[in-house]
PDB file of N, CA and C in Angstrom:
ATOM      1  N   MET A   1     -19.715  -5.904 -11.824  1.00  0.00           N
ATOM      2  CA  MET A   1     -18.620  -6.748 -13.048  1.00  0.00           C
ATOM      3  C   MET A   1     -17.599  -7.160 -11.602  1.00  0.00           C
ATOM      4  N   ASN A   2     -17.266  -8.471 -11.538  1.00  0.00           N
ATOM      5  CA  ASN A   2     -16.157  -8.654 -10.667  1.00  0.00           C
ATOM      6  C   ASN A   2     -15.160  -9.336 -11.579  1.00  0.00           C
ATOM      7  N   ARG A   3     -14.061  -9.681 -10.852  1.00  0.00           N
ATOM      8  CA  ARG A   3     -12.566  -9.531 -11.141  1.00  0.00           C
ATOM      9  C   ARG A   3     -12.719 -10.494 -12.536  1.00  0.00           C
ATOM     10  N   ALA A   4     -13.331 -11.660 -12.367  1.00  0.00           N
ATOM     11  CA  ALA A   4     -13.114 -12.748 -13.422  1.00  0.00           C
ATOM     12  C   ALA A   4     -13.847 -12.378 -14.837  1.00  0.00           C
ATOM     13  N   ASP A   5     -15.094 -11.411 -14.062  1.00  0.00           N
ATOM     14  CA  ASP A   5     -15.806 -10.851 -15.344  1.00  0.00           C
ATOM     15  C   ASP A   5     -15.066 -10.520 -16.338  1.00  0.00           C
ATOM     16  N   VAL A   6     -13.994  -9.285 -15.312  1.00  0.00           N
ATOM     17  CA  VAL A   6     -13.207  -8.044 -16.149  1.00  0.00           C
ATOM     18  C   VAL A   6     -11.917  -9.033 -16.660  1.00  0.00           C
ATOM     19  N   ALA A   7     -11.618 -10.157 -16.051  1.00  0.00           N
ATOM     20  CA  ALA A   7     -10.350 -10.907 -16.774  1.00  0.00           C
ATOM     21  C   ALA A   7     -10.903 -11.384 -17.945  1.00  0.00           C
ATOM     22  N   SER A   8     -12.260 -11.963 -17.676  1.00  0.00           N
ATOM     23  CA  SER A   8     -12.717 -13.060 -19.204  1.00  0.00           C
ATOM     24  C   SER A   8     -12.852 -12.178 -20.240  1.00  0.00           C
ATOM     25  N   ARG A   9     -13.334 -10.558 -20.196  1.00  0.00           N
ATOM     26  CA  ARG A   9     -13.194  -9.699 -21.077  1.00  0.00           C
ATOM     27  C   ARG A   9     -12.792  -8.945 -21.683  1.00  0.00           C
ATOM     28  N   LEU A  10     -11.631  -9.269 -20.687  1.00  0.00           N
ATOM     29  CA  LEU A  10     -10.298  -8.261 -21.754  1.00  0.00           C
ATOM     30  C   LEU A  10      -9.360  -9.488 -22.035  1.00  0.00           C
ATOM     31  N   SER A  11      -9.239 -10.591 -21.409  1.00  0.00           N
ATOM     32  CA  SER A  11      -9.141 -11.317 -22.692  1.00  0.00           C
ATOM     33  C   SER A  11      -9.687 -11.625 -23.826  1.00  0.00           C
ATOM     34  N   MET A  12     -10.996 -11.944 -23.841  1.00  0.00           N
ATOM     35  CA  MET A  12     -11.458 -11.797 -25.127  1.00  0.00           C
ATOM     36  C   MET A  12     -11.544 -10.789 -26.423  1.00  0.00           C
ATOM     37  N   LEU A  13     -11.075  -9.724 -25.792  1.00  0.00           N
ATOM     38  CA  LEU A  13     -11.090  -8.382 -26.519  1.00  0.00           C
ATOM     39  C   LEU A  13      -9.817  -8.851 -27.006  1.00  0.00           C
ATOM     40  N   ALA A  14      -8.682  -8.897 -26.149  1.00  0.00           N
ATOM     41  CA  ALA A  14      -7.095  -8.873 -26.699  1.00  0.00           C
ATOM     42  C   ALA A  14      -6.906 -10.104 -27.561  1.00  0.00           C
ATOM     43  N   ASP A  15      -7.589 -11.153 -27.459  1.00  0.00           N
ATOM     44  CA  ASP A  15      -8.029 -12.041 -28.681  1.00  0.00           C
ATOM     45  C   ASP A  15      -8.770 -11.659 -30.101  1.00  0.00           C
ATOM     46  N   GLN A  16      -9.918 -10.869 -29.331  1.00  0.00           N
ATOM     47  CA  GLN A  16      -9.981 -10.441 -31.045  1.00  0.00           C
ATOM     48  C   GLN A  16      -9.370  -9.248 -30.895  1.00  0.00           C
ATOM     49  N   GLU A  17      -8.316  -8.875 -30.804  1.00  0.00           N
ATOM     50  CA  GLU A  17      -7.514  -7.666 -31.363  1.00  0.00           C
ATOM     51  C   GLU A  17      -8.129  -6.205 -31.313  1.00  0.00           C
ATOM     52  N   SER A  18      -9.073  -6.284 -30.598  1.00  0.00           N
ATOM     53  CA  SER A  18      -9.969  -5.349 -30.220  1.00  0.00           C
ATOM     54  C   SER A  18      -9.299  -3.843 -29.693  1.00  0.00           C
ATOM     55  N   VAL A  19      -8.301  -4.385 -29.517  1.00  0.00           N
ATOM     56  CA  VAL A  19      -7.066  -3.444 -28.969  1.00  0.00           C
ATOM     57  C   VAL A  19      -7.684  -1.900 -29.243  1.00  0.00           C
ATOM     58  N   SER A  20      -7.631  -0.812 -28.306  1.00  0.00           N
ATOM     59  CA  SER A  20      -7.543   0.384 -29.147  1.00  0.00           C
ATOM     60  C   SER A  20      -6.379   1.160 -28.995  1.00  0.00           C
ATOM     61  N   PRO A  21      -5.785   1.780 -30.117  1.00  0.00           N
ATOM     62  CA  PRO A  21      -4.751   2.312 -29.863  1.00  0.00           C
ATOM     63  C   PRO A  21      -4.381   3.137 -28.646  1.00  0.00           C
ATOM     64  N   THR A  22      -3.269   4.006 -28.383  1.00  0.00           N
ATOM     65  CA  THR A  22      -3.124   4.460 -27.266  1.00  0.00           C
ATOM     66  C   THR A  22      -3.910   5.461 -27.027  1.00  0.00           C
ATOM     67  N   ASP A  23      -3.387   6.626 -28.208  1.00  0.00           N
ATOM     68  CA  ASP A  23      -4.173   7.270 -28.012  1.00  0.00           C
ATOM     69  C   ASP A  23      -5.808   7.572 -27.906  1.00  0.00           C
ATOM     70  N   GLU A  24      -6.314   6.706 -27.897  1.00  0.00           N
ATOM     71  CA  GLU A  24      -7.722   6.475 -28.307  1.00  0.00           C
ATOM     72  C   GLU A  24      -8.215   6.164 -26.503  1.00  0.00           C
ATOM     73  N   THR A  25      -7.280   5.290 -26.379  1.00  0.00           N
ATOM     74  CA  THR A  25      -7.463   4.757 -25.122  1.00  0.00           C
ATOM     75  C   THR A  25      -7.615   5.864 -23.735  1.00  0.00           C
ATOM     76  N   ILE A  26      -6.409   6.977 -24.240  1.00  0.00           N
ATOM     77  CA  ILE A  26      -6.854   8.231 -23.234  1.00  0.00           C
ATOM     78  C   ILE A  26      -7.350   8.786 -23.291  1.00  0.00           C
ATOM     79  N   ALA A  27      -8.351   8.925 -24.672  1.00  0.00           N
ATOM     80  CA  ALA A  27      -9.196  10.183 -24.959  1.00  0.00           C
ATOM     81  C   ALA A  27     -10.675   9.404 -24.103  1.00  0.00           C
ATOM     82  N   HIS A  28     -10.560   7.857 -24.042  1.00  0.00           N
ATOM     83  CA  HIS A  28     -11.668   6.875 -23.399  1.00  0.00           C
ATOM     84  C   HIS A  28     -11.511   7.362 -21.800  1.00  0.00           C
ATOM     85  N   ALA A  29     -10.715   7.590 -21.425  1.00  0.00           N
ATOM     86  CA  ALA A  29     -10.043   7.618 -20.254  1.00  0.00           C
ATOM     87  C   ALA A  29     -10.637   9.143 -19.531  1.00  0.00           C
ATOM     88  N   ALA A  30     -10.204  10.088 -20.204  1.00  0.00           N
ATOM     89  CA  ALA A  30     -10.829  11.287 -19.914  1.00  0.00           C
ATOM     90  C   ALA A  30     -11.950  11.428 -20.403  1.00  0.00           C
ATOM     91  N   ALA A  31     -12.687  10.770 -20.997  1.00  0.00           N
ATOM     92  CA  ALA A  31     -14.377  11.204 -21.382  1.00  0.00           C
ATOM     93  C   ALA A  31     -14.667  10.314 -19.793  1.00  0.00           C
ATOM     94  N   LEU A  32     -14.007   9.298 -19.322  1.00  0.00           N
ATOM     95  CA  LEU A  32     -14.691   8.729 -18.389  1.00  0.00           C
ATOM     96  C   LEU A  32     -14.995   9.768 -16.993  1.00  0.00           C
ATOM     97  N   ILE A  33     -13.623  10.441 -16.941  1.00  0.00           N
ATOM     98  CA  ILE A  33     -13.375  10.905 -16.044  1.00  0.00           C
ATOM     99  C   ILE A  33     -14.358  12.359 -15.902  1.00  0.00           C
ATOM    100  N   GLU A  34     -13.896  12.952 -17.460  1.00  0.00           N
ATOM    101  CA  GLU A  34     -14.769  14.295 -17.151  1.00  0.00           C
ATOM    102  C   GLU A  34     -16.571  13.574 -16.695  1.00  0.00           C
ATOM    103  N   ARG A  35     -17.252  12.356 -16.828  1.00  0.00           N
ATOM    104  CA  ARG A  35     -18.459  12.242 -16.409  1.00  0.00           C
ATOM    105  C   ARG A  35     -18.445  11.690 -15.039  1.00  0.00           C
ATOM    106  N   LEU A  36     -17.386  12.169 -14.103  1.00  0.00           N
ATOM    107  CA  LEU A  36     -17.354  11.984 -13.130  1.00  0.00           C
ATOM    108  C   LEU A  36     -18.039  12.679 -12.411  1.00  0.00           C
ATOM    109  N   ASP A  37     -18.349  12.513 -11.282  1.00  0.00           N
ATOM    110  CA  ASP A  37     -19.073  13.927 -10.173  1.00  0.00           C
ATOM    111  C   ASP A  37     -17.875  14.464  -9.176  1.00  0.00           C
ATOM    112  N   PRO A  38     -17.664  15.617  -9.139  1.00  0.00           N
ATOM    113  CA  PRO A  38     -16.346  16.242  -8.585  1.00  0.00           C
ATOM    114  C   PRO A  38     -16.506  16.632  -7.299  1.00  0.00           C
ATOM    115  N   ARG A  39     -17.725  16.356  -7.208  1.00  0.00           N
ATOM    116  CA  ARG A  39     -18.709  16.238  -5.631  1.00  0.00           C
ATOM    117  C   ARG A  39     -18.387  15.139  -4.791  1.00  0.00           C
ATOM    118  N   SER A  40     -18.409  14.056  -6.137  1.00  0.00           N
ATOM    119  CA  SER A  40     -18.546  12.569  -5.032  1.00  0.00           C
ATOM    120  C   SER A  40     -17.515  12.204  -3.865  1.00  0.00           C
ATOM    121  N   PRO A  41     -17.657  11.893  -2.638  1.00  0.00           N
ATOM    122  CA  PRO A  41     -16.483  11.457  -2.004  1.00  0.00           C
ATOM    123  C   PRO A  41     -15.458  10.687  -2.726  1.00  0.00           C
ATOM    124  N   CYS A  42     -15.812   9.769  -3.460  1.00  0.00           N
ATOM    125  CA  CYS A  42     -15.014   8.917  -4.392  1.00  0.00           C
ATOM    126  C   CYS A  42     -14.233   9.427  -5.210  1.00  0.00           C
ATOM    127  N   TYR A  43     -14.101  10.376  -5.858  1.00  0.00           N
ATOM    128  CA  TYR A  43     -13.875  11.414  -6.904  1.00  0.00           C
ATOM    129  C   TYR A  43     -12.459  11.254  -7.049  1.00  0.00           C
ATOM    130  N   GLU A  44     -11.985  11.512  -5.935  1.00  0.00           N
ATOM    131  CA  GLU A  44     -10.437  11.817  -6.218  1.00  0.00           C
ATOM    132  C   GLU A  44      -9.753  10.134  -6.287  1.00  0.00           C
ATOM    133  N   ALA A  45     -10.230   9.331  -5.594  1.00  0.00           N
ATOM    134  CA  ALA A  45     -10.040   7.820  -6.054  1.00  0.00           C
ATOM    135  C   ALA A  45      -9.978   6.962  -7.591  1.00  0.00           C
ATOM    136  N   ASN A  46     -11.324   7.486  -7.919  1.00  0.00           N
ATOM    137  CA  ASN A  46     -11.645   7.429  -9.139  1.00  0.00           C
ATOM    138  C   ASN A  46     -11.092   8.129 -10.120  1.00  0.00           C
ATOM    139  N   VAL A  47     -10.565   9.218  -9.768  1.00  0.00           N
ATOM    140  CA  VAL A  47      -9.689   9.750 -11.293  1.00  0.00           C
ATOM    141  C   VAL A  47      -8.156   9.092 -10.784  1.00  0.00           C
ATOM    142  N   GLU A  48      -7.732   8.777 -10.098  1.00  0.00           N
ATOM    143  CA  GLU A  48      -6.132   7.863  -9.786  1.00  0.00           C
ATOM    144  C   GLU A  48      -6.549   6.434 -10.177  1.00  0.00           C
ATOM    145  N   MET A  49      -7.232   6.189 -10.169  1.00  0.00           N
ATOM    146  CA  MET A  49      -7.278   4.496 -10.371  1.00  0.00           C
ATOM    147  C   MET A  49      -7.440   5.095 -12.096  1.00  0.00           C
ATOM    148  N   LEU A  50      -8.272   5.569 -12.910  1.00  0.00           N
ATOM    149  CA  LEU A  50      -7.863   6.072 -13.839  1.00  0.00           C
ATOM    150  C   LEU A  50      -6.688   6.175 -14.622  1.00  0.00           C
ATOM    151  N   LEU A  51      -6.128   7.014 -13.737  1.00  0.00           N
ATOM    152  CA  LEU A  51      -4.846   7.419 -13.986  1.00  0.00           C
ATOM    153  C   LEU A  51      -4.124   6.414 -14.775  1.00  0.00           C
ATOM    154  N   SER A  52      -3.775   5.594 -13.407  1.00  0.00           N
ATOM    155  CA  SER A  52      -3.119   4.315 -12.468  1.00  0.00           C
ATOM    156  C   SER A  52      -3.400   3.507 -14.090  1.00  0.00           C
ATOM    157  N   LEU A  53      -4.618   3.585 -14.525  1.00  0.00           N
ATOM    158  CA  LEU A  53      -4.780   2.352 -15.506  1.00  0.00           C
ATOM    159  C   LEU A  53      -4.350   2.888 -16.978  1.00  0.00           C
ATOM    160  N   GLU A  54      -3.969   4.493 -17.205  1.00  0.00           N
ATOM    161  CA  GLU A  54      -4.100   4.546 -18.581  1.00  0.00           C
ATOM    162  C   GLU A  54      -2.109   5.058 -18.222  1.00  0.00           C
ATOM    163  N   ALA A  55      -1.732   5.458 -16.687  1.00  0.00           N
ATOM    164  CA  ALA A  55      -0.232   5.684 -17.202  1.00  0.00           C
ATOM    165  C   ALA A  55       0.391   3.685 -17.293  1.00  0.00           C
ATOM    166  N   THR A  56      -0.211   2.710 -16.889  1.00  0.00           N
ATOM    167  CA  THR A  56       0.242   1.265 -17.190  1.00  0.00           C
ATOM    168  C   THR A  56      -0.074   0.805 -18.786  1.00  0.00           C
ATOM    169  N   ILE A  57      -1.030   1.383 -19.346  1.00  0.00           N
ATOM    170  CA  ILE A  57      -0.826   1.429 -21.188  1.00  0.00           C
ATOM    171  C   ILE A  57      -0.075   2.139 -21.469  1.00  0.00           C
ATOM    172  N   TRP A  58       0.619   3.079 -21.354  1.00  0.00           N
ATOM    173  CA  TRP A  58       1.445   4.128 -21.236  1.00  0.00           C
ATOM    174  C   TRP A  58       2.258   3.645 -21.621  1.00  0.00           C
ATOM    175  N   ALA A  59       2.988   2.706 -20.549  1.00  0.00           N
ATOM    176  CA  ALA A  59       4.157   1.643 -19.880  1.00  0.00           C
ATOM    177  C   ALA A  59       4.238   0.548 -21.291  1.00  0.00           C
ATOM    178  N   LEU A  60       3.070   0.157 -21.009  1.00  0.00           N
ATOM    179  CA  LEU A  60       3.227  -1.390 -21.967  1.00  0.00           C
ATOM    180  C   LEU A  60       3.973  -0.827 -23.155  1.00  0.00           C
ATOM    181  N   GLN A  61       3.191   0.392 -23.657  1.00  0.00           N
ATOM    182  CA  GLN A  61       3.027   0.486 -25.341  1.00  0.00           C
ATOM    183  C   GLN A  61       4.271   1.249 -25.565  1.00  0.00           C
ATOM    184  N   ALA A  62       5.178   1.165 -24.719  1.00  0.00           N
ATOM    185  CA  ALA A  62       6.579   1.921 -24.722  1.00  0.00           C
ATOM    186  C   ALA A  62       7.528   0.737 -24.528  1.00  0.00           C
ATOM    187  N   MET A  63       6.698  -0.462 -24.163  1.00  0.00           N
ATOM    188  CA  MET A  63       7.672  -1.282 -24.458  1.00  0.00           C
ATOM    189  C   MET A  63       7.856  -1.425 -25.988  1.00  0.00           C
ATOM    190  N   PRO A  64       9.311  -1.890 -26.027  1.00  0.00           N
ATOM    191  CA  PRO A  64       9.805  -2.981 -27.233  1.00  0.00           C
ATOM    192  C   PRO A  64       9.143  -4.225 -27.313  1.00  0.00           C
TER     193      PRO A  64
END
């Protein structure tokens, strides 16, 4: 999936109000991290990327 596909899909989901509550998105990120292979050379980078996404979601949810 390229950036344009991701942006389009995100826009579509947001328009459909299919956005998950923050607790659910945290659970999804945790599940994705659990599926990663810690022996992979890109493991740490992938974990950091997922955590960064979750931090953004957390911050946005906390906004008034």
